[in-house]
Amino acid sequence: MFIKSEIKDGLYAGFPVLIGYFPIAVTFGLLAKSVNISLIESFCFSAFVFAGASQFVGLNMFHAGIGAGEITLTVFLLNFRHFLMSAALASKSYFNRLLIPVISFGVTDETFAVASMKKG
């Protein structure tokens, strides 16, 4: 019963995130196709780079012919805010301390907003 309640709460909290991600995902896919990036490359990019802004910056830099090192450094600097967001969430009492590194990997602006509003 408790698990069903948590799943329901998670779906309710995650719905606004879905609404925010869907148009970004479609736009990224269309832009990736327009610069001749394969479906597999687009999938890998999305699987490893969760921040939408970084995906678009990386895609633009890739299309401009900029090297992988420069793209990686730029994306890292752009995503540095996620370290700060992860540190803020780590202080929340409702997170299992052993799962914090895993949870931190998936922090985005949207998930941070949802998680930071939860009491605890």
PDB file of N, CA and C in Angstrom:
ATOM      1  N   MET A   1       0.823  -1.195   0.000  1.00  0.00           N
ATOM      2  CA  MET A   1       0.000   0.000   0.000  1.00  0.00           C
ATOM      3  C   MET A   1       0.867   1.259   0.000  1.00  0.00           C
ATOM      4  N   PHE A   2       1.926   1.262   0.828  1.00  0.00           N
ATOM      5  CA  PHE A   2       2.822   2.414   0.917  1.00  0.00           C
ATOM      6  C   PHE A   2       3.527   2.653  -0.413  1.00  0.00           C
ATOM      7  N   ILE A   3       3.943   1.571  -1.083  1.00  0.00           N
ATOM      8  CA  ILE A   3       4.645   1.692  -2.366  1.00  0.00           C
ATOM      9  C   ILE A   3       3.706   2.284  -3.417  1.00  0.00           C
ATOM     10  N   LYS A   4       2.456   1.852  -3.456  1.00  0.00           N
ATOM     11  CA  LYS A   4       1.501   2.403  -4.419  1.00  0.00           C
ATOM     12  C   LYS A   4       1.330   3.901  -4.205  1.00  0.00           C
ATOM     13  N   SER A   5       1.290   4.320  -2.952  1.00  0.00           N
ATOM     14  CA  SER A   5       1.152   5.736  -2.635  1.00  0.00           C
ATOM     15  C   SER A   5       2.371   6.521  -3.121  1.00  0.00           C
ATOM     16  N   GLU A   6       3.568   5.965  -2.934  1.00  0.00           N
ATOM     17  CA  GLU A   6       4.784   6.639  -3.391  1.00  0.00           C
ATOM     18  C   GLU A   6       4.835   6.725  -4.915  1.00  0.00           C
ATOM     19  N   ILE A   7       4.412   5.660  -5.584  1.00  0.00           N
ATOM     20  CA  ILE A   7       4.386   5.676  -7.052  1.00  0.00           C
ATOM     21  C   ILE A   7       3.402   6.732  -7.542  1.00  0.00           C
ATOM     22  N   LYS A   8       2.228   6.773  -6.925  1.00  0.00           N
ATOM     23  CA  LYS A   8       1.227   7.770  -7.297  1.00  0.00           C
ATOM     24  C   LYS A   8       1.765   9.182  -7.064  1.00  0.00           C
ATOM     25  N   ASP A   9       2.406   9.408  -5.922  1.00  0.00           N
ATOM     26  CA  ASP A   9       2.984  10.721  -5.629  1.00  0.00           C
ATOM     27  C   ASP A   9       4.079  11.079  -6.634  1.00  0.00           C
ATOM     28  N   GLY A  10       4.894  10.086  -7.006  1.00  0.00           N
ATOM     29  CA  GLY A  10       5.961  10.317  -7.975  1.00  0.00           C
ATOM     30  C   GLY A  10       5.426  10.673  -9.347  1.00  0.00           C
ATOM     31  N   LEU A  11       4.386   9.970  -9.778  1.00  0.00           N
ATOM     32  CA  LEU A  11       3.772  10.278 -11.070  1.00  0.00           C
ATOM     33  C   LEU A  11       3.151  11.672 -11.064  1.00  0.00           C
ATOM     34  N   TYR A  12       2.518  12.018  -9.967  1.00  0.00           N
ATOM     35  CA  TYR A  12       1.899  13.335  -9.836  1.00  0.00           C
ATOM     36  C   TYR A  12       2.967  14.431  -9.871  1.00  0.00           C
ATOM     37  N   ALA A  13       4.058  14.224  -9.144  1.00  0.00           N
ATOM     38  CA  ALA A  13       5.132  15.222  -9.108  1.00  0.00           C
ATOM     39  C   ALA A  13       5.891  15.280 -10.431  1.00  0.00           C
ATOM     40  N   GLY A  14       5.999  14.150 -11.115  1.00  0.00           N
ATOM     41  CA  GLY A  14       6.776  14.092 -12.347  1.00  0.00           C
ATOM     42  C   GLY A  14       6.052  14.557 -13.595  1.00  0.00           C
ATOM     43  N   PHE A  15       4.738  14.659 -13.538  1.00  0.00           N
ATOM     44  CA  PHE A  15       3.984  15.053 -14.730  1.00  0.00           C
ATOM     45  C   PHE A  15       4.404  16.416 -15.280  1.00  0.00           C
ATOM     46  N   PRO A  16       4.583  17.437 -14.438  1.00  0.00           N
ATOM     47  CA  PRO A  16       5.055  18.723 -14.980  1.00  0.00           C
ATOM     48  C   PRO A  16       6.436  18.619 -15.634  1.00  0.00           C
ATOM     49  N   VAL A  17       7.275  17.731 -15.121  1.00  0.00           N
ATOM     50  CA  VAL A  17       8.595  17.525 -15.724  1.00  0.00           C
ATOM     51  C   VAL A  17       8.427  16.941 -17.126  1.00  0.00           C
ATOM     52  N   LEU A  18       7.523  15.984 -17.269  1.00  0.00           N
ATOM     53  CA  LEU A  18       7.245  15.389 -18.580  1.00  0.00           C
ATOM     54  C   LEU A  18       6.776  16.450 -19.567  1.00  0.00           C
ATOM     55  N   ILE A  19       5.896  17.309 -19.123  1.00  0.00           N
ATOM     56  CA  ILE A  19       5.387  18.371 -19.990  1.00  0.00           C
ATOM     57  C   ILE A  19       6.532  19.288 -20.435  1.00  0.00           C
ATOM     58  N   GLY A  20       7.479  19.536 -19.545  1.00  0.00           N
ATOM     59  CA  GLY A  20       8.621  20.373 -19.899  1.00  0.00           C
ATOM     60  C   GLY A  20       9.614  19.681 -20.811  1.00  0.00           C
ATOM     61  N   TYR A  21       9.818  18.380 -20.616  1.00  0.00           N
ATOM     62  CA  TYR A  21      10.818  17.648 -21.394  1.00  0.00           C
ATOM     63  C   TYR A  21      10.361  17.319 -22.809  1.00  0.00           C
ATOM     64  N   PHE A  22       9.098  17.044 -22.992  1.00  0.00           N
ATOM     65  CA  PHE A  22       8.624  16.558 -24.289  1.00  0.00           C
ATOM     66  C   PHE A  22       8.947  17.509 -25.445  1.00  0.00           C
ATOM     67  N   PRO A  23       8.592  18.794 -25.355  1.00  0.00           N
ATOM     68  CA  PRO A  23       8.907  19.680 -26.487  1.00  0.00           C
ATOM     69  C   PRO A  23      10.413  19.844 -26.707  1.00  0.00           C
ATOM     70  N   ILE A  24      11.177  19.817 -25.630  1.00  0.00           N
ATOM     71  CA  ILE A  24      12.633  19.928 -25.753  1.00  0.00           C
ATOM     72  C   ILE A  24      13.185  18.705 -26.470  1.00  0.00           C
ATOM     73  N   ALA A  25      12.683  17.529 -26.121  1.00  0.00           N
ATOM     74  CA  ALA A  25      13.156  16.289 -26.741  1.00  0.00           C
ATOM     75  C   ALA A  25      12.834  16.259 -28.229  1.00  0.00           C
ATOM     76  N   VAL A  26      11.631  16.668 -28.581  1.00  0.00           N
ATOM     77  CA  VAL A  26      11.239  16.686 -29.993  1.00  0.00           C
ATOM     78  C   VAL A  26      12.103  17.686 -30.768  1.00  0.00           C
ATOM     79  N   THR A  27      12.300  18.860 -30.199  1.00  0.00           N
ATOM     80  CA  THR A  27      13.117  19.883 -30.850  1.00  0.00           C
ATOM     81  C   THR A  27      14.553  19.407 -31.033  1.00  0.00           C
ATOM     82  N   PHE A  28      15.116  18.785 -29.989  1.00  0.00           N
ATOM     83  CA  PHE A  28      16.485  18.272 -30.102  1.00  0.00           C
ATOM     84  C   PHE A  28      16.574  17.220 -31.204  1.00  0.00           C
ATOM     85  N   GLY A  29      15.614  16.322 -31.246  1.00  0.00           N
ATOM     86  CA  GLY A  29      15.616  15.287 -32.278  1.00  0.00           C
ATOM     87  C   GLY A  29      15.559  15.864 -33.681  1.00  0.00           C
ATOM     88  N   LEU A  30      14.718  16.866 -33.875  1.00  0.00           N
ATOM     89  CA  LEU A  30      14.612  17.500 -35.193  1.00  0.00           C
ATOM     90  C   LEU A  30      15.899  18.227 -35.574  1.00  0.00           C
ATOM     91  N   LEU A  31      16.483  18.936 -34.611  1.00  0.00           N
ATOM     92  CA  LEU A  31      17.742  19.638 -34.896  1.00  0.00           C
ATOM     93  C   LEU A  31      18.881  18.663 -35.156  1.00  0.00           C
ATOM     94  N   ALA A  32      18.935  17.579 -34.385  1.00  0.00           N
ATOM     95  CA  ALA A  32      19.981  16.573 -34.589  1.00  0.00           C
ATOM     96  C   ALA A  32      19.866  15.974 -35.987  1.00  0.00           C
ATOM     97  N   LYS A  33      18.658  15.703 -36.404  1.00  0.00           N
ATOM     98  CA  LYS A  33      18.451  15.156 -37.757  1.00  0.00           C
ATOM     99  C   LYS A  33      18.869  16.167 -38.820  1.00  0.00           C
ATOM    100  N   SER A  34      18.602  17.443 -38.566  1.00  0.00           N
ATOM    101  CA  SER A  34      18.934  18.473 -39.560  1.00  0.00           C
ATOM    102  C   SER A  34      20.435  18.677 -39.726  1.00  0.00           C
ATOM    103  N   VAL A  35      21.229  18.294 -38.729  1.00  0.00           N
ATOM    104  CA  VAL A  35      22.694  18.414 -38.851  1.00  0.00           C
ATOM    105  C   VAL A  35      23.336  17.050 -39.090  1.00  0.00           C
ATOM    106  N   ASN A  36      22.519  16.101 -39.542  1.00  0.00           N
ATOM    107  CA  ASN A  36      22.982  14.764 -39.946  1.00  0.00           C
ATOM    108  C   ASN A  36      23.624  13.952 -38.822  1.00  0.00           C
ATOM    109  N   ILE A  37      23.056  14.033 -37.640  1.00  0.00           N
ATOM    110  CA  ILE A  37      23.483  13.167 -36.546  1.00  0.00           C
ATOM    111  C   ILE A  37      22.559  11.954 -36.557  1.00  0.00           C
ATOM    112  N   SER A  38      23.137  10.776 -36.461  1.00  0.00           N
ATOM    113  CA  SER A  38      22.345   9.549 -36.551  1.00  0.00           C
ATOM    114  C   SER A  38      21.451   9.374 -35.327  1.00  0.00           C
ATOM    115  N   LEU A  39      20.500   8.485 -35.456  1.00  0.00           N
ATOM    116  CA  LEU A  39      19.596   8.179 -34.352  1.00  0.00           C
ATOM    117  C   LEU A  39      20.368   7.645 -33.148  1.00  0.00           C
ATOM    118  N   ILE A  40      21.344   6.782 -33.384  1.00  0.00           N
ATOM    119  CA  ILE A  40      22.152   6.221 -32.286  1.00  0.00           C
ATOM    120  C   ILE A  40      22.950   7.321 -31.596  1.00  0.00           C
ATOM    121  N   GLU A  41      23.562   8.217 -32.366  1.00  0.00           N
ATOM    122  CA  GLU A  41      24.324   9.327 -31.783  1.00  0.00           C
ATOM    123  C   GLU A  41      23.413  10.245 -30.973  1.00  0.00           C
ATOM    124  N   SER A  42      22.230  10.528 -31.498  1.00  0.00           N
ATOM    125  CA  SER A  42      21.262  11.359 -30.768  1.00  0.00           C
ATOM    126  C   SER A  42      20.845  10.690 -29.473  1.00  0.00           C
ATOM    127  N   PHE A  43      20.587   9.392 -29.545  1.00  0.00           N
ATOM    128  CA  PHE A  43      20.191   8.649 -28.351  1.00  0.00           C
ATOM    129  C   PHE A  43      21.300   8.688 -27.302  1.00  0.00           C
ATOM    130  N   CYS A  44      22.532   8.431 -27.720  1.00  0.00           N
ATOM    131  CA  CYS A  44      23.660   8.443 -26.774  1.00  0.00           C
ATOM    132  C   CYS A  44      23.855   9.829 -26.174  1.00  0.00           C
ATOM    133  N   PHE A  45      23.731  10.855 -26.989  1.00  0.00           N
ATOM    134  CA  PHE A  45      23.861  12.219 -26.501  1.00  0.00           C
ATOM    135  C   PHE A  45      22.811  12.488 -25.423  1.00  0.00           C
ATOM    136  N   SER A  46      21.580  12.096 -25.686  1.00  0.00           N
ATOM    137  CA  SER A  46      20.503  12.309 -24.720  1.00  0.00           C
ATOM    138  C   SER A  46      20.650  11.435 -23.482  1.00  0.00           C
ATOM    139  N   ALA A  47      21.206  10.243 -23.639  1.00  0.00           N
ATOM    140  CA  ALA A  47      21.360   9.333 -22.502  1.00  0.00           C
ATOM    141  C   ALA A  47      22.441   9.800 -21.534  1.00  0.00           C
ATOM    142  N   PHE A  48      23.457  10.482 -22.039  1.00  0.00           N
ATOM    143  CA  PHE A  48      24.578  10.878 -21.184  1.00  0.00           C
ATOM    144  C   PHE A  48      24.582  12.353 -20.815  1.00  0.00           C
ATOM    145  N   VAL A  49      23.876  13.172 -21.559  1.00  0.00           N
ATOM    146  CA  VAL A  49      23.796  14.605 -21.264  1.00  0.00           C
ATOM    147  C   VAL A  49      22.335  14.919 -20.982  1.00  0.00           C
ATOM    148  N   PHE A  50      22.004  15.063 -19.697  1.00  0.00           N
ATOM    149  CA  PHE A  50      20.603  15.255 -19.315  1.00  0.00           C
ATOM    150  C   PHE A  50      20.124  16.697 -19.460  1.00  0.00           C
ATOM    151  N   ALA A  51      21.023  17.656 -19.410  1.00  0.00           N
ATOM    152  CA  ALA A  51      20.622  19.059 -19.432  1.00  0.00           C
ATOM    153  C   ALA A  51      20.309  19.495 -20.858  1.00  0.00           C
ATOM    154  N   GLY A  52      19.103  19.979 -21.054  1.00  0.00           N
ATOM    155  CA  GLY A  52      18.679  20.393 -22.384  1.00  0.00           C
ATOM    156  C   GLY A  52      19.552  21.482 -22.974  1.00  0.00           C
ATOM    157  N   ALA A  53      19.915  22.477 -22.164  1.00  0.00           N
ATOM    158  CA  ALA A  53      20.771  23.559 -22.667  1.00  0.00           C
ATOM    159  C   ALA A  53      22.099  23.009 -23.161  1.00  0.00           C
ATOM    160  N   SER A  54      22.660  22.070 -22.437  1.00  0.00           N
ATOM    161  CA  SER A  54      23.942  21.481 -22.829  1.00  0.00           C
ATOM    162  C   SER A  54      23.811  20.662 -24.104  1.00  0.00           C
ATOM    163  N   GLN A  55      22.684  20.001 -24.273  1.00  0.00           N
ATOM    164  CA  GLN A  55      22.468  19.243 -25.504  1.00  0.00           C
ATOM    165  C   GLN A  55      22.462  20.175 -26.716  1.00  0.00           C
ATOM    166  N   PHE A  56      21.772  21.292 -26.591  1.00  0.00           N
ATOM    167  CA  PHE A  56      21.694  22.222 -27.713  1.00  0.00           C
ATOM    168  C   PHE A  56      23.036  22.905 -27.978  1.00  0.00           C
ATOM    169  N   VAL A  57      23.749  23.271 -26.917  1.00  0.00           N
ATOM    170  CA  VAL A  57      25.077  23.871 -27.087  1.00  0.00           C
ATOM    171  C   VAL A  57      26.027  22.864 -27.728  1.00  0.00           C
ATOM    172  N   GLY A  58      26.023  21.633 -27.213  1.00  0.00           N
ATOM    173  CA  GLY A  58      26.889  20.598 -27.768  1.00  0.00           C
ATOM    174  C   GLY A  58      26.571  20.304 -29.222  1.00  0.00           C
ATOM    175  N   LEU A  59      25.301  20.255 -29.542  1.00  0.00           N
ATOM    176  CA  LEU A  59      24.882  20.006 -30.923  1.00  0.00           C
ATOM    177  C   LEU A  59      25.357  21.122 -31.850  1.00  0.00           C
ATOM    178  N   ASN A  60      25.195  22.352 -31.405  1.00  0.00           N
ATOM    179  CA  ASN A  60      25.629  23.500 -32.196  1.00  0.00           C
ATOM    180  C   ASN A  60      27.148  23.494 -32.384  1.00  0.00           C
ATOM    181  N   MET A  61      27.884  23.194 -31.316  1.00  0.00           N
ATOM    182  CA  MET A  61      29.346  23.150 -31.409  1.00  0.00           C
ATOM    183  C   MET A  61      29.799  22.010 -32.316  1.00  0.00           C
ATOM    184  N   PHE A  62      29.138  20.864 -32.216  1.00  0.00           N
ATOM    185  CA  PHE A  62      29.462  19.723 -33.075  1.00  0.00           C
ATOM    186  C   PHE A  62      29.253  20.093 -34.545  1.00  0.00           C
ATOM    187  N   HIS A  63      28.128  20.733 -34.807  1.00  0.00           N
ATOM    188  CA  HIS A  63      27.807  21.140 -36.180  1.00  0.00           C
ATOM    189  C   HIS A  63      28.815  22.167 -36.709  1.00  0.00           C
ATOM    190  N   ALA A  64      29.356  23.004 -35.818  1.00  0.00           N
ATOM    191  CA  ALA A  64      30.340  24.018 -36.213  1.00  0.00           C
ATOM    192  C   ALA A  64      31.733  23.424 -36.409  1.00  0.00           C
ATOM    193  N   GLY A  65      31.891  22.138 -36.097  1.00  0.00           N
ATOM    194  CA  GLY A  65      33.177  21.484 -36.298  1.00  0.00           C
ATOM    195  C   GLY A  65      34.153  21.646 -35.149  1.00  0.00           C
ATOM    196  N   ILE A  66      33.661  22.033 -33.997  1.00  0.00           N
ATOM    197  CA  ILE A  66      34.514  22.205 -32.817  1.00  0.00           C
ATOM    198  C   ILE A  66      34.849  20.831 -32.254  1.00  0.00           C
ATOM    199  N   GLY A  67      36.043  20.695 -31.708  1.00  0.00           N
ATOM    200  CA  GLY A  67      36.531  19.409 -31.230  1.00  0.00           C
ATOM    201  C   GLY A  67      35.832  18.900 -29.983  1.00  0.00           C
ATOM    202  N   ALA A  68      35.980  17.604 -29.758  1.00  0.00           N
ATOM    203  CA  ALA A  68      35.321  16.933 -28.629  1.00  0.00           C
ATOM    204  C   ALA A  68      35.785  17.487 -27.286  1.00  0.00           C
ATOM    205  N   GLY A  69      37.058  17.821 -27.164  1.00  0.00           N
ATOM    206  CA  GLY A  69      37.574  18.363 -25.904  1.00  0.00           C
ATOM    207  C   GLY A  69      36.923  19.680 -25.537  1.00  0.00           C
ATOM    208  N   GLU A  70      36.810  20.560 -26.513  1.00  0.00           N
ATOM    209  CA  GLU A  70      36.182  21.865 -26.274  1.00  0.00           C
ATOM    210  C   GLU A  70      34.696  21.712 -25.956  1.00  0.00           C
ATOM    211  N   ILE A  71      34.041  20.804 -26.655  1.00  0.00           N
ATOM    212  CA  ILE A  71      32.620  20.559 -26.387  1.00  0.00           C
ATOM    213  C   ILE A  71      32.446  20.024 -24.972  1.00  0.00           C
ATOM    214  N   THR A  72      33.287  19.066 -24.591  1.00  0.00           N
ATOM    215  CA  THR A  72      33.199  18.476 -23.250  1.00  0.00           C
ATOM    216  C   THR A  72      33.423  19.530 -22.177  1.00  0.00           C
ATOM    217  N   LEU A  73      34.439  20.373 -22.334  1.00  0.00           N
ATOM    218  CA  LEU A  73      34.723  21.420 -21.349  1.00  0.00           C
ATOM    219  C   LEU A  73      33.565  22.411 -21.249  1.00  0.00           C
ATOM    220  N   THR A  74      33.033  22.826 -22.377  1.00  0.00           N
ATOM    221  CA  THR A  74      31.918  23.773 -22.375  1.00  0.00           C
ATOM    222  C   THR A  74      30.690  23.187 -21.690  1.00  0.00           C
ATOM    223  N   VAL A  75      30.361  21.949 -22.017  1.00  0.00           N
ATOM    224  CA  VAL A  75      29.204  21.290 -21.405  1.00  0.00           C
ATOM    225  C   VAL A  75      29.428  21.116 -19.905  1.00  0.00           C
ATOM    226  N   PHE A  76      30.654  20.764 -19.508  1.00  0.00           N
ATOM    227  CA  PHE A  76      30.963  20.624 -18.082  1.00  0.00           C
ATOM    228  C   PHE A  76      30.753  21.951 -17.355  1.00  0.00           C
ATOM    229  N   LEU A  77      31.266  23.038 -17.909  1.00  0.00           N
ATOM    230  CA  LEU A  77      31.109  24.345 -17.267  1.00  0.00           C
ATOM    231  C   LEU A  77      29.645  24.772 -17.220  1.00  0.00           C
ATOM    232  N   LEU A  78      28.925  24.512 -18.284  1.00  0.00           N
ATOM    233  CA  LEU A  78      27.502  24.853 -18.319  1.00  0.00           C
ATOM    234  C   LEU A  78      26.713  24.054 -17.280  1.00  0.00           C
ATOM    235  N   ASN A  79      27.125  22.818 -17.050  1.00  0.00           N
ATOM    236  CA  ASN A  79      26.421  21.949 -16.107  1.00  0.00           C
ATOM    237  C   ASN A  79      26.933  22.047 -14.678  1.00  0.00           C
ATOM    238  N   PHE A  80      27.892  22.896 -14.414  1.00  0.00           N
ATOM    239  CA  PHE A  80      28.455  22.972 -13.069  1.00  0.00           C
ATOM    240  C   PHE A  80      27.387  23.294 -12.023  1.00  0.00           C
ATOM    241  N   ARG A  81      26.350  23.987 -12.424  1.00  0.00           N
ATOM    242  CA  ARG A  81      25.263  24.306 -11.487  1.00  0.00           C
ATOM    243  C   ARG A  81      24.631  23.051 -10.897  1.00  0.00           C
ATOM    244  N   HIS A  82      24.722  21.929 -11.609  1.00  0.00           N
ATOM    245  CA  HIS A  82      24.140  20.690 -11.103  1.00  0.00           C
ATOM    246  C   HIS A  82      24.873  20.175  -9.869  1.00  0.00           C
ATOM    247  N   PHE A  83      26.160  20.477  -9.743  1.00  0.00           N
ATOM    248  CA  PHE A  83      26.882  20.122  -8.518  1.00  0.00           C
ATOM    249  C   PHE A  83      26.271  20.848  -7.324  1.00  0.00           C
ATOM    250  N   LEU A  84      25.966  22.125  -7.518  1.00  0.00           N
ATOM    251  CA  LEU A  84      25.374  22.912  -6.440  1.00  0.00           C
ATOM    252  C   LEU A  84      23.962  22.430  -6.112  1.00  0.00           C
ATOM    253  N   MET A  85      23.192  22.120  -7.135  1.00  0.00           N
ATOM    254  CA  MET A  85      21.839  21.609  -6.900  1.00  0.00           C
ATOM    255  C   MET A  85      21.889  20.262  -6.182  1.00  0.00           C
ATOM    256  N   SER A  86      22.822  19.410  -6.573  1.00  0.00           N
ATOM    257  CA  SER A  86      22.960  18.096  -5.926  1.00  0.00           C
ATOM    258  C   SER A  86      23.348  18.248  -4.466  1.00  0.00           C
ATOM    259  N   ALA A  87      24.237  19.188  -4.178  1.00  0.00           N
ATOM    260  CA  ALA A  87      24.638  19.425  -2.787  1.00  0.00           C
ATOM    261  C   ALA A  87      23.452  19.905  -1.956  1.00  0.00           C
ATOM    262  N   ALA A  88      22.624  20.751  -2.538  1.00  0.00           N
ATOM    263  CA  ALA A  88      21.445  21.231  -1.817  1.00  0.00           C
ATOM    264  C   ALA A  88      20.468  20.092  -1.547  1.00  0.00           C
ATOM    265  N   LEU A  89      20.287  19.204  -2.514  1.00  0.00           N
ATOM    266  CA  LEU A  89      19.368  18.078  -2.321  1.00  0.00           C
ATOM    267  C   LEU A  89      19.921  17.046  -1.353  1.00  0.00           C
ATOM    268  N   ALA A  90      21.241  16.916  -1.279  1.00  0.00           N
ATOM    269  CA  ALA A  90      21.851  15.924  -0.390  1.00  0.00           C
ATOM    270  C   ALA A  90      21.506  16.194   1.067  1.00  0.00           C
ATOM    271  N   SER A  91      21.192  17.440   1.390  1.00  0.00           N
ATOM    272  CA  SER A  91      20.849  17.765   2.774  1.00  0.00           C
ATOM    273  C   SER A  91      19.407  17.399   3.133  1.00  0.00           C
ATOM    274  N   LYS A  92      18.614  17.013   2.152  1.00  0.00           N
ATOM    275  CA  LYS A  92      17.228  16.628   2.426  1.00  0.00           C
ATOM    276  C   LYS A  92      17.205  15.299   3.171  1.00  0.00           C
ATOM    277  N   SER A  93      16.392  15.208   4.178  1.00  0.00           N
ATOM    278  CA  SER A  93      16.371  14.011   5.027  1.00  0.00           C
ATOM    279  C   SER A  93      15.665  12.824   4.381  1.00  0.00           C
ATOM    280  N   TYR A  94      14.891  13.040   3.331  1.00  0.00           N
ATOM    281  CA  TYR A  94      14.132  11.937   2.747  1.00  0.00           C
ATOM    282  C   TYR A  94      14.940  11.116   1.748  1.00  0.00           C
ATOM    283  N   PHE A  95      16.198  11.478   1.494  1.00  0.00           N
ATOM    284  CA  PHE A  95      17.040  10.694   0.593  1.00  0.00           C
ATOM    285  C   PHE A  95      17.860   9.677   1.367  1.00  0.00           C
ATOM    286  N   ASN A  96      17.921   8.469   0.860  1.00  0.00           N
ATOM    287  CA  ASN A  96      18.805   7.443   1.400  1.00  0.00           C
ATOM    288  C   ASN A  96      20.234   7.874   1.084  1.00  0.00           C
ATOM    289  N   ARG A  97      21.066   7.997   2.098  1.00  0.00           N
ATOM    290  CA  ARG A  97      22.439   8.499   1.930  1.00  0.00           C
ATOM    291  C   ARG A  97      23.253   7.671   0.932  1.00  0.00           C
ATOM    292  N   LEU A  98      22.983   6.382   0.846  1.00  0.00           N
ATOM    293  CA  LEU A  98      23.732   5.534  -0.072  1.00  0.00           C
ATOM    294  C   LEU A  98      23.367   5.801  -1.533  1.00  0.00           C
ATOM    295  N   LEU A  99      22.181   6.359  -1.754  1.00  0.00           N
ATOM    296  CA  LEU A  99      21.720   6.609  -3.122  1.00  0.00           C
ATOM    297  C   LEU A  99      22.044   8.010  -3.636  1.00  0.00           C
ATOM    298  N   ILE A 100      22.613   8.861  -2.798  1.00  0.00           N
ATOM    299  CA  ILE A 100      22.867  10.249  -3.202  1.00  0.00           C
ATOM    300  C   ILE A 100      23.720  10.354  -4.471  1.00  0.00           C
ATOM    301  N   PRO A 101      24.815   9.571  -4.627  1.00  0.00           N
ATOM    302  CA  PRO A 101      25.574   9.688  -5.885  1.00  0.00           C
ATOM    303  C   PRO A 101      24.745   9.324  -7.121  1.00  0.00           C
ATOM    304  N   VAL A 102      23.884   8.336  -6.996  1.00  0.00           N
ATOM    305  CA  VAL A 102      23.035   7.930  -8.123  1.00  0.00           C
ATOM    306  C   VAL A 102      21.994   9.007  -8.409  1.00  0.00           C
ATOM    307  N   ILE A 103      21.375   9.520  -7.367  1.00  0.00           N
ATOM    308  CA  ILE A 103      20.360  10.560  -7.521  1.00  0.00           C
ATOM    309  C   ILE A 103      20.985  11.821  -8.112  1.00  0.00           C
ATOM    310  N   SER A 104      22.187  12.165  -7.659  1.00  0.00           N
ATOM    311  CA  SER A 104      22.861  13.367  -8.153  1.00  0.00           C
ATOM    312  C   SER A 104      23.124  13.303  -9.648  1.00  0.00           C
ATOM    313  N   PHE A 105      23.359  12.109 -10.172  1.00  0.00           N
ATOM    314  CA  PHE A 105      23.619  11.958 -11.603  1.00  0.00           C
ATOM    315  C   PHE A 105      22.416  12.381 -12.437  1.00  0.00           C
ATOM    316  N   GLY A 106      21.216  12.234 -11.904  1.00  0.00           N
ATOM    317  CA  GLY A 106      20.013  12.548 -12.658  1.00  0.00           C
ATOM    318  C   GLY A 106      19.401  13.901 -12.367  1.00  0.00           C
ATOM    319  N   VAL A 107      20.100  14.750 -11.623  1.00  0.00           N
ATOM    320  CA  VAL A 107      19.540  16.060 -11.289  1.00  0.00           C
ATOM    321  C   VAL A 107      19.564  16.977 -12.513  1.00  0.00           C
ATOM    322  N   THR A 108      18.413  17.536 -12.804  1.00  0.00           N
ATOM    323  CA  THR A 108      18.282  18.564 -13.841  1.00  0.00           C
ATOM    324  C   THR A 108      17.549  19.737 -13.207  1.00  0.00           C
ATOM    325  N   ASP A 109      17.406  20.814 -13.941  1.00  0.00           N
ATOM    326  CA  ASP A 109      16.698  21.973 -13.394  1.00  0.00           C
ATOM    327  C   ASP A 109      15.283  21.595 -12.964  1.00  0.00           C
ATOM    328  N   GLU A 110      14.611  20.812 -13.793  1.00  0.00           N
ATOM    329  CA  GLU A 110      13.221  20.449 -13.511  1.00  0.00           C
ATOM    330  C   GLU A 110      13.107  19.503 -12.321  1.00  0.00           C
ATOM    331  N   THR A 111      13.963  18.483 -12.279  1.00  0.00           N
ATOM    332  CA  THR A 111      13.883  17.542 -11.157  1.00  0.00           C
ATOM    333  C   THR A 111      14.307  18.206  -9.856  1.00  0.00           C
ATOM    334  N   PHE A 112      15.237  19.143  -9.933  1.00  0.00           N
ATOM    335  CA  PHE A 112      15.633  19.883  -8.735  1.00  0.00           C
ATOM    336  C   PHE A 112      14.456  20.697  -8.208  1.00  0.00           C
ATOM    337  N   ALA A 113      13.735  21.355  -9.105  1.00  0.00           N
ATOM    338  CA  ALA A 113      12.589  22.158  -8.681  1.00  0.00           C
ATOM    339  C   ALA A 113      11.545  21.297  -7.984  1.00  0.00           C
ATOM    340  N   VAL A 114      11.255  20.128  -8.543  1.00  0.00           N
ATOM    341  CA  VAL A 114      10.257  19.238  -7.943  1.00  0.00           C
ATOM    342  C   VAL A 114      10.755  18.702  -6.603  1.00  0.00           C
ATOM    343  N   ALA A 115      12.000  18.224  -6.552  1.00  0.00           N
ATOM    344  CA  ALA A 115      12.531  17.622  -5.325  1.00  0.00           C
ATOM    345  C   ALA A 115      12.728  18.648  -4.219  1.00  0.00           C
ATOM    346  N   SER A 116      13.094  19.862  -4.562  1.00  0.00           N
ATOM    347  CA  SER A 116      13.348  20.860  -3.524  1.00  0.00           C
ATOM    348  C   SER A 116      12.063  21.374  -2.887  1.00  0.00           C
ATOM    349  N   MET A 117      10.936  21.163  -3.544  1.00  0.00           N
ATOM    350  CA  MET A 117       9.667  21.604  -2.969  1.00  0.00           C
ATOM    351  C   MET A 117       9.107  20.614  -1.958  1.00  0.00           C
ATOM    352  N   LYS A 118       9.647  19.390  -1.966  1.00  0.00           N
ATOM    353  CA  LYS A 118       9.161  18.369  -1.042  1.00  0.00           C
ATOM    354  C   LYS A 118       9.652  18.678   0.369  1.00  0.00           C
ATOM    355  N   LYS A 119       8.792  18.510   1.336  1.00  0.00           N
ATOM    356  CA  LYS A 119       9.159  18.747   2.738  1.00  0.00           C
ATOM    357  C   LYS A 119      10.106  17.656   3.214  1.00  0.00           C
ATOM    358  N   GLY A 120      11.028  18.032   4.095  1.00  0.00           N
ATOM    359  CA  GLY A 120      11.915  17.017   4.654  1.00  0.00           C
ATOM    360  C   GLY A 120      13.256  17.451   4.857  1.00  0.00           C
TER     361      GLY A 120
END
